[in-house]
Amino acid sequence: MDAVSGVTSTTQPASNSSNSATAIASDFETFLTMLTTQLENQDPLDPVDSQDLAVQLATFSGVEQQTRTNALLEDLGGQMGLANLSQLASWVGMDALAVGPMYFDGAPIEIRPEIPSFADSAELVVFRSDGTEVQRLPLDTSAESMLWAGVGADGAPLPSGSYSLSVESTVDGESLPDGRVSAYREIVEVRASGGGTQLVTGGGIELDAASVISLRQPV
C-alpha cells in the first residue's frame, strides 16, 4: 500500500513501523560488523581509503533516514485516513446530492438537471448501466429540480437497478452539449478505497466523497 495514500488498516501502520525499525537495527549491526571485520583484516600497506568509508557511512545513513521517514508517513497516513472516515461517518443515513449513476428501486428520485439558461427545449435521457437508452422525457427549461418517477411508456415502473441520466437541449434548433444530472441518494456506508474515501449508496453504487454537492436529512 502506498505510504502516502492515507488508506490503510488500523493495525498496518504500527506493524510496518515496527518491522522497519527492526530491519534498520539489524542492518546497522550487520554493517558495523562487516566494517569492523574489513578494518581488522585490511592490508596495512593498502588500507581502506577514508573517503570510501565516509561514503559508505553516508549512504547507509541516508537509507536509514529514508526508511524511518517512510515509516512515519505510513503512521501519519493511517491516522489521517481513520480521521477522515470518522468525520464522514455522520453522513451515513443522509441524502447526498451528486452526479453519477443512481439506484432505482421503484421510488421516485429527486434530480437536478443542468439546463443552459438560453436553451429553448430540453429532454431528460435515461440509460441503463450497460449504456442502453431506455427513456426520454421533456423537461421544463426553467425547472431547477424535479422528481424522476422511473415509469415507462406503458405506465409500469422500470426494473430496479442502476441508471444514469443526462440532458439534451437545443437552442434555435441547434443541439447544445449534453448537460449533467445530479440526484439525491441515501448514503449507507463510508468506505476507504483506492486512495480515497468512497460513499456507498443504494444498490452498492459508490461515489467519491469529493463529488458530493450537498447533504440533507432524508425527506
Protein backbone atom coordinates (compact mmCIF):
# COMPACT_ATOMS: atom_id res chain seq x y z
CA MET A 1 0.00 0.00 0.00
CA ASP A 2 1.21 3.50 -0.86
CA ALA A 3 2.73 5.11 2.21
CA VAL A 4 1.20 8.49 1.45
CA SER A 5 -2.18 7.34 0.19
CA GLY A 6 -3.84 7.84 3.57
CA VAL A 7 -5.59 4.48 3.23
CA THR A 8 -4.59 1.69 5.49
CA SER A 9 -5.95 -0.59 8.18
CA THR A 10 -5.91 0.23 11.88
CA THR A 11 -3.08 -2.18 12.61
CA GLN A 12 -0.93 -1.97 9.49
CA PRO A 13 0.99 1.28 10.21
CA ALA A 14 2.21 0.13 13.61
CA SER A 15 3.29 -3.22 12.18
CA ASN A 16 5.15 -1.60 9.29
CA SER A 17 6.87 0.86 11.60
CA SER A 18 7.94 -1.92 13.95
CA ASN A 19 9.24 -4.07 11.10
CA SER A 20 11.11 -1.13 9.58
CA ALA A 21 12.75 -0.25 12.89
CA THR A 22 13.77 -3.88 13.44
CA ALA A 23 15.19 -4.11 9.93
CA ILE A 24 17.16 -0.89 10.38
CA ALA A 25 18.66 -2.07 13.68
CA SER A 26 19.56 -5.46 12.21
CA ASP A 27 21.10 -3.95 9.06
CA PHE A 28 23.06 -1.39 11.06
CA GLU A 29 24.57 -4.05 13.31
CA THR A 30 25.46 -6.15 10.26
CA PHE A 31 27.02 -3.09 8.60
CA LEU A 32 29.13 -2.32 11.68
CA THR A 33 30.26 -5.95 11.95
CA MET A 34 31.31 -6.02 8.29
CA LEU A 35 33.06 -2.65 8.62
CA THR A 36 34.94 -3.78 11.73
CA THR A 37 35.98 -7.03 10.05
CA GLN A 38 37.11 -5.08 6.99
CA LEU A 39 39.26 -2.73 9.09
CA GLU A 40 40.75 -5.58 11.14
CA ASN A 41 41.75 -7.53 8.04
CA GLN A 42 42.83 -4.72 5.75
CA ASP A 43 46.27 -4.72 4.21
CA PRO A 44 48.48 -2.38 6.29
CA LEU A 45 50.27 -1.44 3.09
CA ASP A 46 47.00 -0.66 1.30
CA PRO A 47 44.47 0.49 3.93
CA VAL A 48 40.87 1.31 3.12
CA ASP A 49 40.55 4.85 1.86
CA SER A 50 38.93 7.12 4.45
CA GLN A 51 36.81 8.76 1.77
CA ASP A 52 35.37 5.38 0.80
CA LEU A 53 34.45 4.77 4.44
CA ALA A 54 32.78 8.15 4.64
CA VAL A 55 30.76 7.44 1.50
CA GLN A 56 29.63 4.07 2.87
CA LEU A 57 28.56 5.62 6.17
CA ALA A 58 26.74 8.49 4.44
CA THR A 59 24.96 6.10 2.07
CA PHE A 60 23.76 3.87 4.88
CA SER A 61 22.70 6.89 6.93
CA GLY A 62 20.64 8.16 4.00
CA VAL A 63 18.89 4.82 3.52
CA GLU A 64 18.25 4.57 7.26
CA GLN A 65 16.72 8.08 7.35
CA GLN A 66 14.53 7.37 4.32
CA THR A 67 13.23 4.16 5.88
CA ARG A 68 12.40 5.99 9.09
CA THR A 69 10.65 8.74 7.09
CA ASN A 70 8.58 6.20 5.16
CA ALA A 71 7.52 4.52 8.40
CA LEU A 72 6.50 7.90 9.84
CA LEU A 73 4.49 8.74 6.72
CA GLU A 74 2.69 5.39 6.97
CA ASP A 75 1.74 6.17 10.56
CA LEU A 76 0.51 9.66 9.65
CA GLY A 77 -1.33 8.36 6.59
CA GLY A 78 -3.14 5.78 8.65
CA GLN A 79 -4.15 8.36 11.24
CA MET A 80 -5.41 10.76 8.56
CA GLY A 81 -7.38 8.00 6.85
CA LEU A 82 -9.06 6.99 10.09
CA ALA A 83 -9.79 10.61 10.96
CA ASN A 84 -11.41 11.15 7.57
CA LEU A 85 -13.58 8.05 7.96
CA SER A 86 -14.57 9.16 11.44
CA GLN A 87 -15.58 12.62 10.18
CA LEU A 88 -17.65 11.20 7.33
CA ALA A 89 -19.34 8.55 9.48
CA SER A 90 -22.02 11.13 10.35
CA TRP A 91 -23.00 11.18 6.67
CA VAL A 92 -24.41 7.66 6.87
CA GLY A 93 -28.21 7.82 6.63
CA MET A 94 -28.18 11.25 4.96
CA ASP A 95 -29.13 12.07 1.36
CA ALA A 96 -26.21 13.18 -0.81
CA LEU A 97 -26.64 15.20 -4.00
CA ALA A 98 -24.09 14.14 -6.61
CA VAL A 99 -23.65 13.49 -10.31
CA GLY A 100 -23.31 9.85 -11.30
CA PRO A 101 -25.16 6.56 -11.52
CA MET A 102 -28.06 6.08 -9.13
CA TYR A 103 -30.04 3.08 -7.97
CA PHE A 104 -33.75 2.99 -8.77
CA ASP A 105 -35.90 0.70 -6.61
CA GLY A 106 -39.37 1.88 -7.63
CA ALA A 107 -39.46 5.06 -5.54
CA PRO A 108 -39.28 8.48 -7.26
CA ILE A 109 -35.86 10.17 -7.16
CA GLU A 110 -35.32 13.91 -6.86
CA ILE A 111 -32.97 15.10 -9.60
CA ARG A 112 -31.47 18.43 -10.66
CA PRO A 113 -30.78 18.64 -14.40
CA GLU A 114 -28.27 21.17 -15.70
CA ILE A 115 -30.06 23.09 -18.48
CA PRO A 116 -28.47 26.15 -20.15
CA SER A 117 -30.48 29.26 -19.36
CA PHE A 118 -30.69 30.13 -23.08
CA ALA A 119 -31.97 26.70 -24.18
CA ASP A 120 -35.45 26.68 -25.69
CA SER A 121 -36.06 22.93 -25.31
CA ALA A 122 -34.60 20.09 -23.26
CA GLU A 123 -35.03 16.36 -22.75
CA LEU A 124 -34.07 14.03 -19.95
CA VAL A 125 -32.37 10.92 -21.34
CA VAL A 126 -32.23 7.78 -19.20
CA PHE A 127 -29.68 4.97 -19.67
CA ARG A 128 -29.32 1.54 -18.10
CA SER A 129 -25.99 0.55 -16.59
CA ASP A 130 -24.99 -1.10 -19.89
CA GLY A 131 -25.47 2.20 -21.75
CA THR A 132 -28.77 1.32 -23.39
CA GLU A 133 -31.18 4.23 -23.69
CA VAL A 134 -34.50 3.38 -22.05
CA GLN A 135 -36.40 6.65 -21.79
CA ARG A 136 -36.72 10.26 -22.96
CA LEU A 137 -38.80 12.85 -21.14
CA PRO A 138 -39.42 16.53 -21.97
CA LEU A 139 -38.06 18.97 -19.40
CA ASP A 140 -39.21 22.38 -18.32
CA THR A 141 -36.19 24.54 -19.16
CA SER A 142 -36.89 26.77 -16.16
CA ALA A 143 -37.14 23.92 -13.64
CA GLU A 144 -34.29 23.60 -11.15
CA SER A 145 -35.36 20.22 -9.77
CA MET A 146 -37.94 17.52 -10.44
CA LEU A 147 -38.94 14.02 -9.43
CA TRP A 148 -37.99 11.22 -11.80
CA ALA A 149 -40.66 8.57 -11.28
CA GLY A 150 -38.94 5.84 -13.29
CA VAL A 151 -42.17 4.90 -15.04
CA GLY A 152 -42.05 3.58 -18.60
CA ALA A 153 -44.30 4.49 -21.53
CA ASP A 154 -46.63 1.61 -20.58
CA GLY A 155 -47.17 3.08 -17.12
CA ALA A 156 -45.18 0.33 -15.38
CA PRO A 157 -42.11 1.09 -13.25
CA LEU A 158 -38.75 0.43 -14.87
CA PRO A 159 -36.85 -2.58 -13.48
CA SER A 160 -34.87 -1.95 -10.31
CA GLY A 161 -31.20 -1.28 -10.98
CA SER A 162 -28.55 1.31 -11.76
CA TYR A 163 -29.42 4.17 -14.13
CA SER A 164 -27.57 7.19 -15.49
CA LEU A 165 -29.23 10.42 -16.62
CA SER A 166 -28.22 13.23 -18.93
CA VAL A 167 -29.81 16.29 -20.54
CA GLU A 168 -30.03 17.01 -24.25
CA SER A 169 -31.04 20.58 -25.06
CA THR A 170 -31.31 22.81 -28.11
CA VAL A 171 -31.46 26.50 -28.99
CA ASP A 172 -32.94 27.62 -32.31
CA GLY A 173 -32.87 24.01 -33.43
CA GLU A 174 -29.16 23.62 -32.74
CA SER A 175 -28.00 20.94 -30.30
CA LEU A 176 -26.11 22.04 -27.21
CA PRO A 177 -23.52 19.98 -25.28
CA ASP A 178 -25.10 17.33 -23.06
CA GLY A 179 -25.85 18.52 -19.55
CA ARG A 180 -25.21 16.64 -16.34
CA VAL A 181 -27.89 15.49 -13.91
CA SER A 182 -27.32 15.32 -10.17
CA ALA A 183 -29.56 13.22 -7.94
CA TYR A 184 -30.18 12.65 -4.27
CA ARG A 185 -29.36 9.19 -2.94
CA GLU A 186 -29.05 7.79 0.60
CA ILE A 187 -25.58 7.05 1.98
CA VAL A 188 -25.49 3.61 3.59
CA GLU A 189 -21.75 3.23 4.22
CA VAL A 190 -18.46 5.15 4.21
CA ARG A 191 -15.50 3.16 2.94
CA ALA A 192 -11.75 3.73 2.42
CA SER A 193 -10.95 2.56 -1.09
CA GLY A 194 -8.44 3.21 -3.87
CA GLY A 195 -6.57 6.02 -2.15
CA GLY A 196 -9.72 7.97 -1.24
CA THR A 197 -12.97 7.82 0.68
CA GLN A 198 -15.97 6.28 -1.07
CA LEU A 199 -19.61 6.68 -0.13
CA VAL A 200 -21.71 3.58 -0.70
CA THR A 201 -25.29 4.30 -1.74
CA GLY A 202 -28.28 2.14 -2.58
CA GLY A 203 -27.58 -0.89 -4.74
CA GLY A 204 -23.91 -0.79 -3.71
CA ILE A 205 -23.16 2.14 -6.02
CA GLU A 206 -20.06 4.03 -4.86
CA LEU A 207 -19.45 7.78 -5.02
CA ASP A 208 -16.26 9.68 -4.36
CA ALA A 209 -16.83 11.79 -1.23
CA ALA A 210 -15.33 14.78 -3.07
CA SER A 211 -18.12 14.60 -5.69
CA VAL A 212 -20.91 15.38 -3.22
CA ILE A 213 -22.56 18.73 -3.94
CA SER A 214 -24.76 18.92 -0.85
CA LEU A 215 -26.16 16.89 2.03
CA ARG A 216 -29.56 16.88 3.70
CA GLN A 217 -31.64 14.86 6.09
CA PRO A 218 -33.88 12.27 4.36
CA VAL A 219 -37.22 13.73 3.24
